[in-house]
PDB file of all heavy atoms in Angstrom:
ATOM      1  N   PHE A   1      42.265  61.956 259.155  1.00  0.00           N
ATOM      2  CA  PHE A   1      40.917  62.644 259.272  1.00  0.00           C
ATOM      3  C   PHE A   1      40.961  63.691 260.458  1.00  0.00           C
ATOM      4  O   PHE A   1      40.423  64.760 260.308  1.00  0.00           O
ATOM      5  CB  PHE A   1      39.816  61.669 259.501  1.00  0.00           C
ATOM      6  CG  PHE A   1      38.520  62.253 259.473  1.00  0.00           C
ATOM      7  CD1 PHE A   1      37.925  62.722 258.290  1.00  0.00           C
ATOM      8  CD2 PHE A   1      37.671  62.305 260.598  1.00  0.00           C
ATOM      9  CE1 PHE A   1      36.662  63.300 258.276  1.00  0.00           C
ATOM     10  CE2 PHE A   1      36.412  62.874 260.562  1.00  0.00           C
ATOM     11  CZ  PHE A   1      35.995  63.325 259.436  1.00  0.00           C
ATOM     12  N   THR A   2      41.609  63.285 261.617  1.00  0.00           N
ATOM     13  CA  THR A   2      41.633  64.223 262.670  1.00  0.00           C
ATOM     14  C   THR A   2      42.448  65.485 262.333  1.00  0.00           C
ATOM     15  O   THR A   2      42.043  66.563 262.640  1.00  0.00           O
ATOM     16  CB  THR A   2      42.260  63.527 263.931  1.00  0.00           C
ATOM     17  OG1 THR A   2      41.478  62.319 264.227  1.00  0.00           O
ATOM     18  CG2 THR A   2      42.331  64.407 265.096  1.00  0.00           C
ATOM     19  N   ALA A   3      43.626  65.233 261.726  1.00  0.00           N
ATOM     20  CA  ALA A   3      44.483  66.378 261.360  1.00  0.00           C
ATOM     21  C   ALA A   3      43.765  67.335 260.368  1.00  0.00           C
ATOM     22  O   ALA A   3      43.805  68.532 260.497  1.00  0.00           O
ATOM     23  CB  ALA A   3      45.719  65.933 260.775  1.00  0.00           C
ATOM     24  N   GLU A   4      42.933  66.776 259.441  1.00  0.00           N
ATOM     25  CA  GLU A   4      42.257  67.572 258.550  1.00  0.00           C
ATOM     26  C   GLU A   4      41.164  68.395 259.148  1.00  0.00           C
ATOM     27  O   GLU A   4      40.947  69.572 258.805  1.00  0.00           O
ATOM     28  CB  GLU A   4      41.679  66.725 257.403  1.00  0.00           C
ATOM     29  CG  GLU A   4      41.070  67.451 256.296  1.00  0.00           C
ATOM     30  CD  GLU A   4      40.640  66.612 255.160  1.00  0.00           C
ATOM     31  OE1 GLU A   4      41.011  65.363 255.082  1.00  0.00           O
ATOM     32  OE2 GLU A   4      39.969  67.060 254.132  1.00  0.00           O
ATOM     33  N   VAL A   5      40.463  67.779 260.169  1.00  0.00           N
ATOM     34  CA  VAL A   5      39.413  68.504 260.779  1.00  0.00           C
ATOM     35  C   VAL A   5      39.937  69.674 261.614  1.00  0.00           C
ATOM     36  O   VAL A   5      39.412  70.776 261.575  1.00  0.00           O
ATOM     37  CB  VAL A   5      38.686  67.497 261.858  1.00  0.00           C
ATOM     38  CG1 VAL A   5      37.656  68.244 262.721  1.00  0.00           C
ATOM     39  CG2 VAL A   5      37.766  66.540 260.959  1.00  0.00           C
ATOM     40  N   VAL A   6      41.147  69.505 262.314  1.00  0.00           N
ATOM     41  CA  VAL A   6      41.803  70.475 263.047  1.00  0.00           C
ATOM     42  C   VAL A   6      42.292  71.613 262.064  1.00  0.00           C
ATOM     43  O   VAL A   6      42.101  72.802 262.347  1.00  0.00           O
ATOM     44  CB  VAL A   6      42.920  69.996 263.849  1.00  0.00           C
ATOM     45  CG1 VAL A   6      43.739  71.022 264.499  1.00  0.00           C
ATOM     46  CG2 VAL A   6      42.436  68.911 264.932  1.00  0.00           C
ATOM     47  N   TYR A   7      42.821  71.192 260.959  1.00  0.00           N
ATOM     48  CA  TYR A   7      43.341  72.141 259.949  1.00  0.00           C
ATOM     49  C   TYR A   7      42.156  73.088 259.502  1.00  0.00           C
ATOM     50  O   TYR A   7      42.398  74.349 259.445  1.00  0.00           O
ATOM     51  CB  TYR A   7      43.888  71.407 258.757  1.00  0.00           C
ATOM     52  CG  TYR A   7      44.326  72.282 257.596  1.00  0.00           C
ATOM     53  CD1 TYR A   7      45.627  72.730 257.562  1.00  0.00           C
ATOM     54  CD2 TYR A   7      43.456  72.582 256.528  1.00  0.00           C
ATOM     55  CE1 TYR A   7      46.120  73.598 256.516  1.00  0.00           C
ATOM     56  CE2 TYR A   7      43.871  73.364 255.514  1.00  0.00           C
ATOM     57  CZ  TYR A   7      45.182  73.845 255.484  1.00  0.00           C
ATOM     58  OH  TYR A   7      45.637  74.559 254.447  1.00  0.00           O
ATOM     59  N   PHE A   8      40.981  72.584 259.168  1.00  0.00           N
ATOM     60  CA  PHE A   8      39.939  73.430 258.678  1.00  0.00           C
ATOM     61  C   PHE A   8      39.305  74.249 259.760  1.00  0.00           C
ATOM     62  O   PHE A   8      38.866  75.318 259.485  1.00  0.00           O
ATOM     63  CB  PHE A   8      38.885  72.557 257.963  1.00  0.00           C
ATOM     64  CG  PHE A   8      39.350  72.094 256.592  1.00  0.00           C
ATOM     65  CD1 PHE A   8      39.542  70.838 256.293  1.00  0.00           C
ATOM     66  CD2 PHE A   8      39.444  73.001 255.507  1.00  0.00           C
ATOM     67  CE1 PHE A   8      39.926  70.307 255.092  1.00  0.00           C
ATOM     68  CE2 PHE A   8      39.892  72.586 254.281  1.00  0.00           C
ATOM     69  CZ  PHE A   8      40.138  71.250 254.017  1.00  0.00           C
ATOM     70  N   ALA A   9      39.370  73.730 261.006  1.00  0.00           N
ATOM     71  CA  ALA A   9      38.854  74.560 262.167  1.00  0.00           C
ATOM     72  C   ALA A   9      39.824  75.792 262.336  1.00  0.00           C
ATOM     73  O   ALA A   9      39.253  76.947 262.541  1.00  0.00           O
ATOM     74  CB  ALA A   9      38.866  73.694 263.374  1.00  0.00           C
ATOM     75  N   VAL A  10      41.077  75.532 262.244  1.00  0.00           N
ATOM     76  CA  VAL A  10      41.989  76.715 262.415  1.00  0.00           C
ATOM     77  C   VAL A  10      41.840  77.697 261.248  1.00  0.00           C
ATOM     78  O   VAL A  10      41.845  78.915 261.493  1.00  0.00           O
ATOM     79  CB  VAL A  10      43.499  76.194 262.466  1.00  0.00           C
ATOM     80  CG1 VAL A  10      44.497  77.367 262.396  1.00  0.00           C
ATOM     81  CG2 VAL A  10      43.717  75.370 263.734  1.00  0.00           C
ATOM     82  N   ARG A  11      41.564  77.102 260.091  1.00  0.00           N
ATOM     83  CA  ARG A  11      41.391  78.086 258.974  1.00  0.00           C
ATOM     84  C   ARG A  11      40.173  78.951 259.201  1.00  0.00           C
ATOM     85  O   ARG A  11      40.152  80.091 258.787  1.00  0.00           O
ATOM     86  CB  ARG A  11      41.240  77.234 257.592  1.00  0.00           C
ATOM     87  CG  ARG A  11      41.241  78.173 256.371  1.00  0.00           C
ATOM     88  CD  ARG A  11      41.157  77.293 255.080  1.00  0.00           C
ATOM     89  NE  ARG A  11      39.850  76.698 254.993  1.00  0.00           N
ATOM     90  CZ  ARG A  11      39.470  76.086 253.865  1.00  0.00           C
ATOM     91  NH1 ARG A  11      40.207  76.087 252.777  1.00  0.00           N
ATOM     92  NH2 ARG A  11      38.204  75.488 253.760  1.00  0.00           N
ATOM     93  N   GLU A  12      39.053  78.320 259.670  1.00  0.00           N
ATOM     94  CA  GLU A  12      37.857  79.161 259.984  1.00  0.00           C
ATOM     95  C   GLU A  12      38.140  80.163 261.026  1.00  0.00           C
ATOM     96  O   GLU A  12      37.641  81.333 261.022  1.00  0.00           O
ATOM     97  CB  GLU A  12      36.718  78.183 260.523  1.00  0.00           C
ATOM     98  CG  GLU A  12      35.424  78.830 260.767  1.00  0.00           C
ATOM     99  CD  GLU A  12      34.725  79.427 259.509  1.00  0.00           C
ATOM    100  OE1 GLU A  12      35.068  78.973 258.340  1.00  0.00           O
ATOM    101  OE2 GLU A  12      33.811  80.237 259.715  1.00  0.00           O
ATOM    102  N   LEU A  13      38.949  79.847 262.016  1.00  0.00           N
ATOM    103  CA  LEU A  13      39.282  80.828 263.125  1.00  0.00           C
ATOM    104  C   LEU A  13      40.057  81.975 262.536  1.00  0.00           C
ATOM    105  O   LEU A  13      39.884  83.149 262.835  1.00  0.00           O
ATOM    106  CB  LEU A  13      40.136  80.176 264.175  1.00  0.00           C
ATOM    107  CG  LEU A  13      39.403  79.179 265.098  1.00  0.00           C
ATOM    108  CD1 LEU A  13      40.383  78.390 265.992  1.00  0.00           C
ATOM    109  CD2 LEU A  13      38.328  79.880 265.920  1.00  0.00           C
ATOM    110  N   LEU A  14      41.064  81.649 261.579  1.00  0.00           N
ATOM    111  CA  LEU A  14      41.814  82.775 260.995  1.00  0.00           C
ATOM    112  C   LEU A  14      40.953  83.627 260.084  1.00  0.00           C
ATOM    113  O   LEU A  14      41.107  84.800 259.949  1.00  0.00           O
ATOM    114  CB  LEU A  14      42.979  82.151 260.186  1.00  0.00           C
ATOM    115  CG  LEU A  14      44.053  81.360 260.971  1.00  0.00           C
ATOM    116  CD1 LEU A  14      45.129  80.861 260.019  1.00  0.00           C
ATOM    117  CD2 LEU A  14      44.596  82.243 262.043  1.00  0.00           C
ATOM    118  N   ARG A  15      39.969  82.957 259.379  1.00  0.00           N
ATOM    119  CA  ARG A  15      39.085  83.785 258.512  1.00  0.00           C
ATOM    120  C   ARG A  15      38.227  84.776 259.379  1.00  0.00           C
ATOM    121  O   ARG A  15      38.012  85.884 259.008  1.00  0.00           O
ATOM    122  CB  ARG A  15      38.244  82.839 257.712  1.00  0.00           C
ATOM    123  CG  ARG A  15      38.895  82.212 256.516  1.00  0.00           C
ATOM    124  CD  ARG A  15      38.021  81.202 255.832  1.00  0.00           C
ATOM    125  NE  ARG A  15      38.665  80.655 254.577  1.00  0.00           N
ATOM    126  CZ  ARG A  15      38.046  79.696 253.867  1.00  0.00           C
ATOM    127  NH1 ARG A  15      36.802  79.281 254.166  1.00  0.00           N
ATOM    128  NH2 ARG A  15      38.714  79.322 252.778  1.00  0.00           N
ATOM    129  N   ASN A  16      37.703  84.256 260.527  1.00  0.00           N
ATOM    130  CA  ASN A  16      36.994  85.058 261.382  1.00  0.00           C
ATOM    131  C   ASN A  16      37.856  86.237 261.950  1.00  0.00           C
ATOM    132  O   ASN A  16      37.314  87.372 262.063  1.00  0.00           O
ATOM    133  CB  ASN A  16      36.447  84.264 262.658  1.00  0.00           C
ATOM    134  CG  ASN A  16      35.166  83.464 262.157  1.00  0.00           C
ATOM    135  OD1 ASN A  16      34.659  83.668 261.097  1.00  0.00           O
ATOM    136  ND2 ASN A  16      34.847  82.551 263.118  1.00  0.00           N
ATOM    137  N   ALA A  17      39.067  85.985 262.302  1.00  0.00           N
ATOM    138  CA  ALA A  17      39.976  87.012 262.751  1.00  0.00           C
ATOM    139  C   ALA A  17      40.172  88.075 261.765  1.00  0.00           C
ATOM    140  O   ALA A  17      40.217  89.215 262.053  1.00  0.00           O
ATOM    141  CB  ALA A  17      41.254  86.429 263.315  1.00  0.00           C
ATOM    142  N   ARG A  18      40.394  87.631 260.526  1.00  0.00           N
ATOM    143  CA  ARG A  18      40.747  88.555 259.406  1.00  0.00           C
ATOM    144  C   ARG A  18      39.528  89.423 259.148  1.00  0.00           C
ATOM    145  O   ARG A  18      39.626  90.556 258.821  1.00  0.00           O
ATOM    146  CB  ARG A  18      41.064  87.745 258.130  1.00  0.00           C
ATOM    147  CG  ARG A  18      41.266  88.680 256.886  1.00  0.00           C
ATOM    148  CD  ARG A  18      41.625  87.715 255.722  1.00  0.00           C
ATOM    149  NE  ARG A  18      40.614  86.804 255.356  1.00  0.00           N
ATOM    150  CZ  ARG A  18      40.786  85.846 254.487  1.00  0.00           C
ATOM    151  NH1 ARG A  18      41.928  85.706 253.770  1.00  0.00           N
ATOM    152  NH2 ARG A  18      39.805  84.970 254.159  1.00  0.00           N
ATOM    153  N   LYS A  19      38.276  88.820 259.309  1.00  0.00           N
ATOM    154  CA  LYS A  19      37.064  89.568 258.926  1.00  0.00           C
ATOM    155  C   LYS A  19      36.551  90.409 260.021  1.00  0.00           C
ATOM    156  O   LYS A  19      35.975  91.561 259.763  1.00  0.00           O
ATOM    157  CB  LYS A  19      36.030  88.561 258.483  1.00  0.00           C
ATOM    158  CG  LYS A  19      34.777  89.162 257.908  1.00  0.00           C
ATOM    159  CD  LYS A  19      33.823  88.041 257.350  1.00  0.00           C
ATOM    160  CE  LYS A  19      32.662  88.675 256.620  1.00  0.00           C
ATOM    161  NZ  LYS A  19      31.713  87.643 256.116  1.00  0.00           N
ATOM    162  N   TYR A  20      36.630  89.984 261.311  1.00  0.00           N
ATOM    163  CA  TYR A  20      35.927  90.709 262.348  1.00  0.00           C
ATOM    164  C   TYR A  20      36.889  91.295 263.500  1.00  0.00           C
ATOM    165  O   TYR A  20      36.428  92.123 264.232  1.00  0.00           O
ATOM    166  CB  TYR A  20      34.958  89.712 263.101  1.00  0.00           C
ATOM    167  CG  TYR A  20      33.922  89.220 262.103  1.00  0.00           C
ATOM    168  CD1 TYR A  20      33.916  87.795 261.757  1.00  0.00           C
ATOM    169  CD2 TYR A  20      32.953  89.956 261.647  1.00  0.00           C
ATOM    170  CE1 TYR A  20      32.998  87.308 260.938  1.00  0.00           C
ATOM    171  CE2 TYR A  20      31.943  89.411 260.814  1.00  0.00           C
ATOM    172  CZ  TYR A  20      32.002  88.087 260.434  1.00  0.00           C
ATOM    173  OH  TYR A  20      31.021  87.583 259.587  1.00  0.00           O
ATOM    174  N   ALA A  21      38.134  90.822 263.533  1.00  0.00           N
ATOM    175  CA  ALA A  21      38.884  91.236 264.680  1.00  0.00           C
ATOM    176  C   ALA A  21      39.268  92.721 264.635  1.00  0.00           C
ATOM    177  O   ALA A  21      39.549  93.299 265.679  1.00  0.00           O
ATOM    178  CB  ALA A  21      40.168  90.386 264.646  1.00  0.00           C
ATOM    179  N   ARG A  22      39.220  93.357 263.489  1.00  0.00           N
ATOM    180  CA  ARG A  22      39.541  94.834 263.355  1.00  0.00           C
ATOM    181  C   ARG A  22      38.312  95.695 263.727  1.00  0.00           C
ATOM    182  O   ARG A  22      38.520  96.881 263.767  1.00  0.00           O
ATOM    183  CB  ARG A  22      40.063  95.063 261.922  1.00  0.00           C
ATOM    184  CG  ARG A  22      41.450  94.581 261.638  1.00  0.00           C
ATOM    185  CD  ARG A  22      41.951  95.026 260.311  1.00  0.00           C
ATOM    186  NE  ARG A  22      43.358  94.659 260.152  1.00  0.00           N
ATOM    187  CZ  ARG A  22      43.798  93.532 259.625  1.00  0.00           C
ATOM    188  NH1 ARG A  22      42.907  92.615 259.284  1.00  0.00           N
ATOM    189  NH2 ARG A  22      45.057  93.305 259.464  1.00  0.00           N
ATOM    190  N   GLY A  23      37.201  95.112 263.913  1.00  0.00           N
ATOM    191  CA  GLY A  23      36.041  95.938 264.195  1.00  0.00           C
ATOM    192  C   GLY A  23      35.596  96.899 263.272  1.00  0.00           C
ATOM    193  O   GLY A  23      35.036  97.975 263.662  1.00  0.00           O
ATOM    194  N   GLY A  24      35.804  96.720 261.922  1.00  0.00           N
ATOM    195  CA  GLY A  24      35.441  97.654 260.939  1.00  0.00           C
ATOM    196  C   GLY A  24      36.544  98.604 260.526  1.00  0.00           C
ATOM    197  O   GLY A  24      36.320  99.416 259.680  1.00  0.00           O
ATOM    198  N   ASP A  25      37.611  98.660 261.298  1.00  0.00           N
ATOM    199  CA  ASP A  25      38.726  99.565 260.994  1.00  0.00           C
ATOM    200  C   ASP A  25      39.782  98.795 260.234  1.00  0.00           C
ATOM    201  O   ASP A  25      40.558  98.069 260.760  1.00  0.00           O
ATOM    202  CB  ASP A  25      39.320 100.068 262.307  1.00  0.00           C
ATOM    203  CG  ASP A  25      40.484 101.136 262.031  1.00  0.00           C
ATOM    204  OD1 ASP A  25      40.720 101.481 260.856  1.00  0.00           O
ATOM    205  OD2 ASP A  25      41.054 101.521 263.031  1.00  0.00           O
ATOM    206  N   ALA A  26      39.725  99.049 258.876  1.00  0.00           N
ATOM    207  CA  ALA A  26      40.683  98.276 258.052  1.00  0.00           C
ATOM    208  C   ALA A  26      42.076  98.554 258.226  1.00  0.00           C
ATOM    209  O   ALA A  26      42.947  97.798 257.918  1.00  0.00           O
ATOM    210  CB  ALA A  26      40.261  98.437 256.564  1.00  0.00           C
ATOM    211  N   GLN A  27      42.391  99.732 258.851  1.00  0.00           N
ATOM    212  CA  GLN A  27      43.769 100.171 259.072  1.00  0.00           C
ATOM    213  C   GLN A  27      44.353  99.685 260.360  1.00  0.00           C
ATOM    214  O   GLN A  27      45.519  99.984 260.665  1.00  0.00           O
ATOM    215  CB  GLN A  27      43.845 101.733 258.915  1.00  0.00           C
ATOM    216  CG  GLN A  27      43.330 102.226 257.611  1.00  0.00           C
ATOM    217  CD  GLN A  27      44.086 101.657 256.456  1.00  0.00           C
ATOM    218  OE1 GLN A  27      45.385 101.427 256.478  1.00  0.00           O
ATOM    219  NE2 GLN A  27      43.352 101.404 255.429  1.00  0.00           N
ATOM    220  N   ARG A  28      43.542  99.098 261.218  1.00  0.00           N
ATOM    221  CA  ARG A  28      43.969  98.638 262.472  1.00  0.00           C
ATOM    222  C   ARG A  28      45.004  97.535 262.426  1.00  0.00           C
ATOM    223  O   ARG A  28      44.771  96.483 261.758  1.00  0.00           O
ATOM    224  CB  ARG A  28      42.788  98.175 263.371  1.00  0.00           C
ATOM    225  CG  ARG A  28      43.186  97.608 264.754  1.00  0.00           C
ATOM    226  CD  ARG A  28      41.991  96.982 265.342  1.00  0.00           C
ATOM    227  NE  ARG A  28      42.372  96.318 266.679  1.00  0.00           N
ATOM    228  CZ  ARG A  28      42.017  96.878 267.867  1.00  0.00           C
ATOM    229  NH1 ARG A  28      41.273  97.913 267.976  1.00  0.00           N
ATOM    230  NH2 ARG A  28      42.418  96.259 269.000  1.00  0.00           N
ATOM    231  N   PRO A  29      46.169  97.664 263.124  1.00  0.00           N
ATOM    232  CA  PRO A  29      47.161  96.620 263.119  1.00  0.00           C
ATOM    233  C   PRO A  29      46.628  95.461 263.808  1.00  0.00           C
ATOM    234  O   PRO A  29      45.877  95.529 264.833  1.00  0.00           O
ATOM    235  CB  PRO A  29      48.375  97.253 263.839  1.00  0.00           C
ATOM    236  CG  PRO A  29      48.086  98.774 263.923  1.00  0.00           C
ATOM    237  CD  PRO A  29      46.667  98.884 263.854  1.00  0.00           C
TER     238      PRO A  29
END
C-alpha cells in the first residue's frame, strides 16, 4: 500500500510537470 501511494504521487508530479512546467511554450525543452 505504501509503494502504491508513492507511485501515484510521483505520477501526479510527472503529470503536473508535463502540463505546467513549459509555461505555455509547447516547444520548450
